[in-house]
Protein backbone atom coordinates (compact mmCIF):
# COMPACT_ATOMS: atom_id res chain seq x y z
CA MET A 1 34.52 42.00 -13.81
CA SER A 2 33.21 41.11 -10.32
CA ARG A 3 30.49 42.71 -8.28
CA ASN A 4 29.05 41.76 -4.88
CA LEU A 5 25.28 41.37 -4.49
CA ARG A 6 23.37 40.93 -1.26
CA ALA A 7 20.56 38.36 -1.41
CA ALA A 8 18.63 37.22 1.64
CA ASP A 9 21.19 36.96 4.43
CA ALA A 10 24.31 36.27 2.35
CA THR A 11 26.52 38.14 -0.05
CA TYR A 12 27.19 36.58 -3.46
CA GLU A 13 29.75 37.53 -6.01
CA VAL A 14 28.44 38.05 -9.54
CA ARG A 15 30.98 37.71 -12.34
CA SER A 16 30.41 39.10 -15.78
CA PHE A 17 32.14 38.37 -19.04
CA GLY A 18 31.05 40.74 -21.79
CA ASN A 19 27.26 40.64 -21.73
CA LEU A 20 27.23 37.30 -19.82
CA ALA A 21 26.60 37.38 -16.05
CA LEU A 22 27.20 34.40 -13.76
CA THR A 23 25.79 34.08 -10.27
CA PRO A 24 25.88 31.20 -7.82
CA ALA A 25 22.92 28.81 -7.97
CA PHE A 26 21.30 28.41 -4.53
CA GLU A 27 21.10 24.63 -4.51
CA SER A 28 23.27 22.20 -2.56
CA ALA A 29 26.78 23.03 -3.77
CA PRO A 30 28.13 26.37 -4.98
CA GLN A 31 27.51 26.41 -8.73
CA PHE A 32 27.08 29.14 -11.25
CA ALA A 33 23.97 29.78 -13.31
CA VAL A 34 23.94 31.76 -16.54
CA ILE A 35 21.72 34.83 -16.33
CA GLU A 36 20.35 36.03 -19.63
CA GLY A 37 20.53 39.78 -20.10
CA GLY A 38 23.95 40.45 -18.60
CA ARG A 39 24.85 42.32 -15.43
CA SER A 40 21.64 44.31 -15.12
CA SER A 41 19.64 41.10 -14.86
CA ALA A 42 21.75 39.67 -12.04
CA VAL A 43 19.89 41.64 -9.36
CA ARG A 44 16.51 40.63 -10.78
CA HIS A 45 17.69 37.01 -10.94
CA SER A 46 18.74 36.93 -7.27
CA GLN A 47 15.35 38.40 -6.32
CA LYS A 48 13.62 35.79 -8.50
CA VAL A 49 15.58 32.97 -6.82
CA GLU A 50 14.63 34.30 -3.38
CA ARG A 51 10.97 34.43 -4.44
CA MET A 52 11.14 30.87 -5.84
CA GLN A 53 12.69 29.57 -2.60
CA ARG A 54 10.04 31.32 -0.53
CA ASP A 55 7.19 30.04 -2.75
CA ALA A 56 8.56 26.47 -2.70
CA GLN A 57 7.76 26.18 1.02
CA PRO A 58 4.19 24.95 1.59
CA SER A 59 1.92 27.38 3.36
CA SER A 60 0.17 26.47 6.59
CA MET A 61 -3.12 26.39 4.65
CA GLN A 62 -1.71 23.84 2.20
CA LEU A 63 -0.40 21.71 5.06
CA ARG A 64 -3.76 21.93 6.83
CA HIS A 65 -5.59 20.81 3.68
CA ALA A 66 -3.17 17.91 3.19
CA ILE A 67 -3.65 16.76 6.79
CA ILE A 68 -7.44 17.01 6.48
CA GLY A 69 -7.30 14.96 3.26
CA VAL A 70 -5.22 12.21 4.86
CA VAL A 71 -7.47 12.07 7.93
CA ALA A 72 -10.59 11.93 5.74
CA ALA A 73 -9.11 9.11 3.64
CA LEU A 74 -8.25 7.15 6.79
CA LEU A 75 -11.76 7.61 8.19
CA VAL A 76 -13.38 6.47 4.95
CA SER A 77 -11.08 3.42 4.84
CA MET A 78 -11.89 2.53 8.44
CA LEU A 79 -15.63 2.88 7.78
CA LEU A 80 -15.45 0.65 4.70
CA ILE A 81 -13.42 -2.02 6.46
CA GLY A 82 -15.63 -1.86 9.56
CA GLY A 83 -18.78 -2.10 7.44
CA SER A 84 -17.38 -5.09 5.58
CA VAL A 85 -16.46 -6.90 8.81
CA ILE A 86 -19.85 -6.20 10.37
CA SER A 87 -21.68 -7.28 7.22
CA ASP A 88 -19.70 -10.53 7.05
CA TYR A 89 -20.34 -11.23 10.73
CA LEU A 90 -24.08 -10.59 10.42
CA SER A 91 -24.46 -12.76 7.32
CA ARG A 92 -22.52 -15.63 8.93
CA SER A 93 -24.42 -15.42 12.19
CA ALA A 94 -27.76 -15.33 10.32
CA SER A 95 -26.85 -18.39 8.23
CA ASN A 96 -25.41 -20.16 11.30
CA LYS A 97 -28.68 -19.64 13.20
CA PHE A 98 -30.61 -20.81 10.16
CA VAL A 99 -28.65 -24.03 9.72
CA ALA A 100 -28.21 -24.83 13.43
CA ASP A 101 -31.31 -27.06 13.45
CA VAL A 102 -30.78 -28.72 10.08
CA ALA A 103 -31.29 -32.45 9.85
CA THR A 104 -28.24 -34.21 8.46
CA THR A 105 -27.41 -37.40 6.67
CA HIS A 106 -24.20 -39.16 5.68
CA VAL A 107 -23.12 -39.71 2.08
CA VAL A 108 -20.20 -41.59 0.59
CA VAL A 109 -18.23 -39.62 -2.00
CA HIS A 110 -18.10 -41.29 -5.44
CA GLU A 111 -15.57 -40.79 -8.20
CA GLY A 112 -16.23 -37.42 -9.89
CA ASP A 113 -18.24 -35.93 -6.99
CA SER A 114 -17.53 -32.40 -5.85
CA LEU A 115 -18.66 -30.33 -2.90
CA TRP A 116 -20.55 -28.07 -5.30
CA ALA A 117 -22.47 -31.02 -6.77
CA LEU A 118 -23.23 -32.39 -3.28
CA ALA A 119 -24.46 -28.94 -2.18
CA GLN A 120 -26.74 -28.78 -5.23
CA GLN A 121 -28.08 -32.30 -4.50
CA HIS A 122 -28.75 -31.39 -0.85
CA PRO A 123 -30.01 -27.77 -0.95
CA LEU A 124 -31.13 -25.73 2.02
CA ASP A 125 -33.96 -23.27 1.49
CA GLY A 126 -32.77 -19.70 1.87
CA LEU A 127 -29.08 -20.48 1.34
CA SER A 128 -27.05 -20.26 -1.82
CA THR A 129 -25.09 -23.24 -3.13
CA ARG A 130 -21.90 -21.49 -1.99
CA ASP A 131 -23.28 -21.21 1.57
CA VAL A 132 -24.20 -24.91 1.56
CA VAL A 133 -20.67 -25.78 0.35
CA ASN A 134 -19.24 -23.73 3.23
CA TRP A 135 -21.63 -25.43 5.67
CA ILE A 136 -20.52 -28.90 4.46
CA LYS A 137 -16.86 -27.87 4.82
CA ASP A 138 -17.47 -26.59 8.36
CA GLU A 139 -19.46 -29.66 9.43
CA ASN A 140 -16.77 -32.01 8.13
CA ASN A 141 -13.76 -29.93 9.24
CA LEU A 142 -12.49 -29.61 5.67
CA THR A 143 -9.82 -27.01 4.99
CA SER A 144 -10.21 -27.19 1.21
CA SER A 145 -12.81 -28.27 -1.34
CA LEU A 146 -10.82 -31.38 -2.25
CA ILE A 147 -12.72 -34.59 -1.52
CA MET A 148 -11.75 -38.20 -2.28
CA ALA A 149 -13.81 -41.15 -3.47
CA GLY A 150 -14.87 -43.32 -0.51
CA GLN A 151 -14.82 -40.42 1.95
CA GLN A 152 -17.90 -40.09 4.21
CA LEU A 153 -19.38 -36.61 4.60
CA VAL A 154 -22.16 -35.08 6.67
CA VAL A 155 -24.57 -33.18 4.38
CA PRO A 156 -27.95 -31.53 4.92
CA ASP A 157 -30.87 -33.93 4.70
CA SER A 158 -33.06 -32.19 2.15
CA GLN A 159 -35.69 -34.97 2.51
CA ALA A 160 -36.49 -34.10 6.15
């Protein structure tokens, strides 16, 4: 048995077989969905589908909250990155001013020496060993921490 139902702005045919009612599913392609409860439930089912389709669309309030969340996350990220860049710049400029007038000496690298060991042997007050290593690398135009025996390096003169 067939019966036409009107849902939203279209008319759908509902077919029933005994106590089983079939109605088209409202997805991409015309398909039939089994409606429990027979023909009397078909009308309620089409209303339920309409309600589900209407509720699936985000409200303007939900969209507004999502946009605010994304903007807030971007602002926090920009502040963190900006703070990190400024902090790095300030610490480098402070250490650069501090070590600008440092007396230097030349050393010859021996087998087994490392930049870390040289930085510990020639410390600068107020700077960490890591900062002294970076200073030695900058002064000697080194792109890595690899040094070779026999190489001459400029290091801080901790005796001066």
